[in-house]
Amino acid sequence: MGQDYYAVLGLGRGAAAADIKAAYRKLALKSHPLKCKEPWAARRFRELAEAYDVLSNPMTKGIYDKFGEEGLKGGIPLEFGSDNPWTVGYVFHNNPDKVFQEFFGGDNPFAEFFAEDGSELILPFGGLRGRGAMKQDPPIVRDLYLSLEDLFYGCTKKIKLSRRVMNEDGQTSAIRDKILTIEVQPGWKQGTRVTFEKEGDQGPNVIPADITFVVREKPHPRFKRTDDNLAYVATVPLGKALVGCSVDVRTLDGRLLNVPINDIVDPKYCKVVPGEGMPLLRDPRRKGDLLIYFDIRFPKKLTPDKKMLLKSALLS
């Protein structure tokens, strides 16, 4: 079933918007890494942020409620015949602090962290000043667009980065280039994140930001990826849909598959071809499946003789 965002917030699936806000407020304050020093706090804080990000948006919540995490992140089919018959999958930006700040706005959510005499108990969040400690710049997130072929075979991507670097005197800086190398593994999925720690701009009393690249799949002219499977839409006339046919599919590695269709093809029919999908990340020797869906073309007109033949064949 995938991730249960309602369970992350301690809610049932019938939770209203007010319940979702209240649950996030309570749990995010409790699990914020500035307050909770347990080793799991950062991971829990991120899970809460992603759950709230999905459930607080009526569009993503509606898709998740109907299709689950797989449909939300992998995209869902729209009407066949359109230029893009699939929605774009949801990808969390992986910045839980952004969700936290947008939720509380200008309020000070950490007022409870101060003693009655006003003395500070813990470093506050957001706009309040720290005690001279160095702070790391927020992470820089960039999209990394890859074709299905890149994700099928794996590849090496080199990205030129221009950043500000401190000179030896520790006071002045200069712009210098650096090449970041990303080794794309066969089977990577949309949303895969690659982080280069502290590769952002340098500055005095500043910890450089991490740079994170998020994999985005480029649209493909023939396939739509669904997890480890590949979906393909074949157009067939009504007659062949009823009596059988074969479908030619050119695979990502250039082979031409001739797939016999012996069943009656209705609008919901799907032909599964095992082992012709994307490589599995943990074992690239194995692959997902090819899912062939059908766009059935009806004739625009029929002669009286053909109508009689159809009546005789279908209504007898």
Protein backbone atom coordinates (compact mmCIF):
# COMPACT_ATOMS: atom_id res chain seq x y z
CA MET A 1 0.00 0.00 0.00
CA GLY A 2 2.99 2.34 0.52
CA GLN A 3 3.32 5.22 2.95
CA ASP A 4 0.31 5.90 5.20
CA TYR A 5 0.41 9.67 5.66
CA TYR A 6 -2.64 9.62 7.93
CA ALA A 7 -0.94 7.15 10.27
CA VAL A 8 2.19 9.35 10.35
CA LEU A 9 0.01 12.14 11.78
CA GLY A 10 -1.85 9.73 14.06
CA LEU A 11 -5.12 10.22 12.16
CA GLY A 12 -7.77 8.09 10.50
CA ARG A 13 -8.58 8.42 6.81
CA GLY A 14 -11.69 10.48 7.49
CA ALA A 15 -9.69 13.29 9.11
CA ALA A 16 -10.81 16.82 8.27
CA ALA A 17 -8.49 19.68 7.33
CA ALA A 18 -8.64 21.10 10.87
CA ASP A 19 -7.65 17.71 12.32
CA ILE A 20 -4.68 17.50 9.94
CA LYS A 21 -3.46 20.98 10.94
CA ALA A 22 -3.87 20.29 14.65
CA ALA A 23 -2.03 16.97 14.42
CA TYR A 24 0.88 18.46 12.50
CA ARG A 25 1.18 21.40 14.89
CA LYS A 26 1.32 19.15 17.95
CA LEU A 27 3.68 16.51 16.53
CA ALA A 28 6.03 18.89 14.68
CA LEU A 29 6.61 20.94 17.83
CA LYS A 30 7.21 17.76 19.80
CA SER A 31 9.64 16.24 17.27
CA HIS A 32 11.53 19.33 16.11
CA PRO A 33 15.28 18.57 16.33
CA LEU A 34 15.85 21.77 18.30
CA LYS A 35 13.64 20.43 21.07
CA CYS A 36 13.94 16.67 20.74
CA LYS A 37 17.50 15.37 20.90
CA GLU A 38 16.67 11.74 20.16
CA PRO A 39 18.51 10.33 17.10
CA TRP A 40 15.22 9.66 15.31
CA ALA A 41 13.94 13.25 15.67
CA ALA A 42 15.18 14.56 12.30
CA ARG A 43 13.72 11.60 10.39
CA ARG A 44 10.40 11.88 12.26
CA PHE A 45 10.29 15.66 11.66
CA ARG A 46 10.78 15.09 7.92
CA GLU A 47 8.06 12.39 7.78
CA LEU A 48 5.59 14.73 9.48
CA ALA A 49 6.44 17.51 7.03
CA GLU A 50 5.89 15.31 3.97
CA ALA A 51 2.62 13.94 5.36
CA TYR A 52 1.31 17.45 6.04
CA ASP A 53 2.56 18.73 2.66
CA VAL A 54 0.49 16.04 0.92
CA LEU A 55 -2.66 16.08 3.07
CA SER A 56 -2.95 19.86 3.38
CA ASN A 57 -3.15 20.28 -0.40
CA PRO A 58 -6.61 19.28 -1.72
CA MET A 59 -5.21 18.13 -5.07
CA THR A 60 -2.43 15.88 -3.73
CA LYS A 61 -4.71 14.67 -0.93
CA GLY A 62 -7.40 13.70 -3.46
CA ILE A 63 -4.92 11.73 -5.59
CA TYR A 64 -3.43 10.04 -2.52
CA ASP A 65 -6.84 9.12 -1.09
CA LYS A 66 -7.83 7.44 -4.36
CA PHE A 67 -4.57 6.00 -5.71
CA GLY A 68 -2.23 5.78 -2.70
CA GLU A 69 1.45 6.70 -2.60
CA GLU A 70 2.25 4.88 -5.86
CA GLY A 71 -0.32 6.87 -7.82
CA LEU A 72 0.68 10.11 -6.09
CA LYS A 73 4.40 9.80 -6.83
CA GLY A 74 4.25 7.80 -10.05
CA GLY A 75 1.47 9.75 -11.77
CA ILE A 76 -2.03 8.62 -12.70
CA PRO A 77 -3.51 8.01 -16.17
CA LEU A 78 -5.75 10.61 -17.71
CA GLU A 79 -7.81 10.17 -20.87
CA PHE A 80 -6.05 8.32 -23.65
CA GLY A 81 -5.40 10.32 -26.80
CA SER A 82 -4.20 13.52 -25.09
CA ASP A 83 -0.67 14.85 -25.57
CA ASN A 84 0.29 13.82 -22.03
CA PRO A 85 -2.03 11.02 -20.80
CA TRP A 86 -0.37 10.88 -17.33
CA THR A 87 -0.11 13.34 -14.48
CA VAL A 88 3.29 14.38 -13.17
CA GLY A 89 4.22 12.53 -9.99
CA TYR A 90 4.55 14.32 -6.65
CA VAL A 91 8.07 14.78 -5.24
CA PHE A 92 8.62 16.12 -1.73
CA HIS A 93 11.16 18.96 -1.69
CA ASN A 94 12.84 17.41 1.40
CA ASN A 95 12.93 20.69 3.31
CA PRO A 96 10.89 20.10 6.49
CA ASP A 97 11.97 23.47 7.90
CA LYS A 98 10.24 25.18 4.96
CA VAL A 99 6.97 23.40 5.76
CA PHE A 100 7.38 24.29 9.45
CA GLN A 101 8.04 27.98 8.77
CA GLU A 102 5.16 28.30 6.28
CA PHE A 103 2.81 26.63 8.76
CA PHE A 104 3.62 28.94 11.70
CA GLY A 105 4.23 32.09 9.67
CA GLY A 106 5.46 34.94 11.82
CA ASP A 107 4.41 33.33 15.09
CA ASN A 108 7.00 32.07 17.56
CA PRO A 109 6.10 28.39 17.95
CA PHE A 110 8.84 27.91 20.51
CA ALA A 111 7.42 30.26 23.15
CA GLU A 112 6.95 27.19 25.35
CA PHE A 113 10.72 26.72 25.39
CA PHE A 114 11.27 29.75 27.65
CA ALA A 115 11.11 29.79 31.40
CA GLU A 116 8.71 32.03 33.27
CA ASP A 117 11.47 34.56 34.01
CA GLY A 118 12.18 34.89 30.29
CA SER A 119 15.49 33.05 30.30
CA GLU A 120 16.16 30.93 27.23
CA LEU A 121 16.01 27.15 27.64
CA ILE A 122 16.92 26.13 24.09
CA LEU A 123 18.02 27.77 20.87
CA PRO A 124 14.82 29.15 19.28
CA PHE A 125 13.70 28.53 15.74
CA GLY A 126 13.62 30.95 12.85
CA GLY A 127 14.11 34.69 13.19
CA LEU A 128 15.33 34.84 16.83
CA ARG A 129 19.08 35.31 17.12
CA GLY A 130 21.37 32.49 18.08
CA ARG A 131 24.30 32.71 20.47
CA GLY A 132 27.09 33.21 17.93
CA ALA A 133 27.08 29.66 16.62
CA MET A 134 27.80 29.12 12.95
CA LYS A 135 24.75 28.30 10.88
CA GLN A 136 24.60 26.29 7.71
CA ASP A 137 22.94 27.85 4.71
CA PRO A 138 19.67 26.18 3.64
CA PRO A 139 20.13 23.27 1.22
CA ILE A 140 20.16 24.06 -2.48
CA VAL A 141 17.86 21.73 -4.40
CA ARG A 142 18.16 21.32 -8.17
CA ASP A 143 16.34 19.07 -10.62
CA LEU A 144 18.33 16.46 -12.54
CA TYR A 145 16.42 15.54 -15.70
CA LEU A 146 17.16 12.06 -17.01
CA SER A 147 15.69 10.07 -19.87
CA LEU A 148 14.24 6.61 -19.35
CA GLU A 149 17.21 5.30 -21.31
CA ASP A 150 19.56 6.95 -18.78
CA LEU A 151 17.68 5.26 -15.95
CA PHE A 152 17.52 1.95 -17.83
CA TYR A 153 21.24 1.61 -18.58
CA GLY A 154 22.73 3.90 -15.94
CA CYS A 155 25.13 6.69 -16.92
CA THR A 156 27.56 9.31 -15.65
CA LYS A 157 26.47 12.94 -15.45
CA LYS A 158 29.02 15.71 -14.93
CA ILE A 159 27.64 19.03 -13.70
CA LYS A 160 29.66 22.24 -13.75
CA LEU A 161 29.14 24.27 -10.59
CA SER A 162 30.19 27.90 -10.10
CA ARG A 163 30.45 28.82 -6.44
CA ARG A 164 32.03 31.40 -4.17
CA VAL A 165 35.17 30.09 -2.43
CA MET A 166 37.08 31.76 0.40
CA ASN A 167 40.65 32.74 -0.34
CA GLU A 168 43.58 31.80 1.89
CA ASP A 169 43.36 35.11 3.79
CA GLY A 170 39.97 34.00 5.18
CA GLN A 171 38.45 37.39 4.39
CA THR A 172 38.09 37.67 0.61
CA SER A 173 36.47 35.25 -1.82
CA ALA A 174 36.38 34.41 -5.51
CA ILE A 175 34.08 32.58 -7.93
CA ARG A 176 35.51 29.25 -9.01
CA ASP A 177 34.18 26.32 -11.01
CA LYS A 178 33.93 22.74 -9.83
CA ILE A 179 32.74 19.60 -11.60
CA LEU A 180 30.34 17.38 -9.67
CA THR A 181 30.04 13.79 -10.91
CA ILE A 182 26.84 11.79 -10.47
CA GLU A 183 26.93 8.06 -11.18
CA VAL A 184 23.37 7.21 -12.19
CA GLN A 185 22.52 3.61 -11.31
CA PRO A 186 20.21 1.44 -13.45
CA GLY A 187 16.77 1.45 -11.87
CA TRP A 188 16.90 4.86 -10.18
CA LYS A 189 13.42 6.37 -9.86
CA GLN A 190 11.96 9.83 -10.00
CA GLY A 191 12.57 11.49 -6.66
CA THR A 192 15.95 9.82 -6.04
CA ARG A 193 18.14 12.36 -4.27
CA VAL A 194 21.90 12.81 -4.58
CA THR A 195 23.47 15.16 -2.02
CA PHE A 196 26.89 16.81 -2.14
CA GLU A 197 27.60 18.05 1.36
CA LYS A 198 28.85 21.62 1.90
CA GLU A 199 29.40 22.37 -1.80
CA GLY A 200 27.52 25.69 -1.72
CA ASP A 201 28.98 29.19 -1.48
CA GLN A 202 31.58 29.71 1.21
CA GLY A 203 31.64 32.73 3.49
CA PRO A 204 32.94 33.92 6.85
CA ASN A 205 31.12 32.33 9.80
CA VAL A 206 28.91 30.35 7.43
CA ILE A 207 28.75 26.60 6.85
CA PRO A 208 28.28 26.09 3.08
CA ALA A 209 24.96 24.68 2.02
CA ASP A 210 24.51 21.11 0.85
CA ILE A 211 23.58 20.75 -2.81
CA THR A 212 20.95 18.14 -3.58
CA PHE A 213 19.97 16.93 -7.03
CA VAL A 214 16.52 15.37 -7.40
CA VAL A 215 15.96 12.96 -10.28
CA ARG A 216 13.18 13.97 -12.66
CA GLU A 217 12.18 11.67 -15.51
CA LYS A 218 11.95 13.28 -18.91
CA PRO A 219 8.72 12.52 -20.81
CA HIS A 220 9.19 9.56 -23.13
CA PRO A 221 7.48 9.25 -26.53
CA ARG A 222 6.47 5.60 -25.98
CA PHE A 223 6.49 4.68 -22.31
CA LYS A 224 5.29 5.88 -18.94
CA ARG A 225 7.08 4.44 -15.95
CA THR A 226 5.08 3.08 -13.01
CA ASP A 227 7.45 1.97 -10.26
CA ASP A 228 9.57 -0.73 -11.96
CA ASN A 229 7.05 -1.31 -14.77
CA LEU A 230 6.70 0.40 -18.12
CA ALA A 231 3.25 1.27 -19.48
CA TYR A 232 2.66 1.42 -23.22
CA VAL A 233 -0.53 2.46 -25.01
CA ALA A 234 -1.26 0.58 -28.24
CA THR A 235 -3.86 1.82 -30.70
CA VAL A 236 -5.95 -0.96 -32.28
CA PRO A 237 -9.13 -0.88 -34.37
CA LEU A 238 -12.30 -2.32 -32.87
CA GLY A 239 -12.28 -5.37 -35.15
CA LYS A 240 -8.82 -6.48 -34.01
CA ALA A 241 -9.73 -5.77 -30.42
CA LEU A 242 -12.55 -8.30 -30.76
CA VAL A 243 -10.93 -11.04 -32.84
CA GLY A 244 -7.27 -10.79 -31.79
CA CYS A 245 -4.13 -9.20 -33.15
CA SER A 246 -0.45 -8.67 -32.43
CA VAL A 247 1.24 -5.53 -31.15
CA ASP A 248 4.77 -4.41 -32.02
CA VAL A 249 6.63 -2.62 -29.21
CA ARG A 250 10.12 -1.17 -29.60
CA THR A 251 11.88 -1.62 -26.23
CA LEU A 252 14.23 0.84 -24.53
CA ASP A 253 17.21 -1.32 -25.57
CA GLY A 254 16.14 -1.31 -29.22
CA ARG A 255 14.53 -4.75 -29.59
CA LEU A 256 11.22 -5.15 -31.43
CA LEU A 257 8.73 -7.22 -29.45
CA ASN A 258 5.84 -8.83 -31.29
CA VAL A 259 3.21 -9.46 -28.63
CA PRO A 260 0.23 -11.66 -29.61
CA ILE A 261 -3.12 -10.57 -28.17
CA ASN A 262 -5.52 -13.51 -28.13
CA ASP A 263 -8.00 -12.16 -25.57
CA ILE A 264 -10.91 -9.87 -26.28
CA VAL A 265 -9.64 -6.35 -25.62
CA ASP A 266 -12.02 -4.18 -23.63
CA PRO A 267 -11.20 -0.58 -22.53
CA LYS A 268 -9.83 -1.82 -19.18
CA TYR A 269 -7.81 -4.71 -20.56
CA CYS A 270 -4.05 -4.80 -19.85
CA LYS A 271 -1.59 -7.22 -21.39
CA VAL A 272 1.34 -7.97 -19.05
CA VAL A 273 4.66 -8.94 -20.61
CA PRO A 274 6.93 -10.13 -17.75
CA GLY A 275 10.53 -8.97 -17.51
CA GLU A 276 10.36 -6.18 -20.09
CA GLY A 277 10.20 -3.22 -17.73
CA MET A 278 12.85 -1.22 -15.86
CA PRO A 279 15.80 -2.88 -14.11
CA LEU A 280 15.38 -3.40 -10.37
CA LEU A 281 17.70 -1.16 -8.39
CA ARG A 282 18.79 -3.91 -6.00
CA ASP A 283 19.31 -6.46 -8.78
CA PRO A 284 19.60 -4.87 -12.27
CA ARG A 285 19.64 -8.35 -13.84
CA ARG A 286 15.93 -8.57 -13.02
CA LYS A 287 13.35 -6.25 -14.52
CA GLY A 288 9.79 -5.17 -13.96
CA ASP A 289 7.01 -5.83 -16.45
CA LEU A 290 5.74 -4.20 -19.62
CA LEU A 291 2.08 -3.21 -19.28
CA ILE A 292 0.28 -2.76 -22.58
CA TYR A 293 -2.93 -0.73 -22.45
CA PHE A 294 -5.18 -0.20 -25.44
CA ASP A 295 -6.76 2.78 -27.17
CA ILE A 296 -9.58 1.16 -29.16
CA ARG A 297 -10.53 2.98 -32.36
CA PHE A 298 -14.18 2.69 -33.36
CA PRO A 299 -15.20 3.06 -37.00
CA LYS A 300 -16.68 6.45 -37.88
CA LYS A 301 -19.36 4.90 -40.09
CA LEU A 302 -20.64 1.52 -41.27
CA THR A 303 -22.41 0.47 -44.43
CA PRO A 304 -25.81 -1.22 -44.07
CA ASP A 305 -24.28 -4.55 -45.10
CA LYS A 306 -21.61 -4.33 -42.41
CA LYS A 307 -24.22 -3.41 -39.83
CA MET A 308 -26.20 -6.50 -40.76
CA LEU A 309 -23.13 -8.68 -40.46
CA LEU A 310 -22.31 -7.22 -37.04
CA LYS A 311 -25.86 -7.74 -35.84
CA SER A 312 -25.73 -11.31 -37.00
CA ALA A 313 -22.39 -11.96 -35.32
CA LEU A 314 -22.87 -10.06 -32.08
CA LEU A 315 -26.59 -10.24 -31.34
CA SER A 316 -27.27 -13.85 -32.24
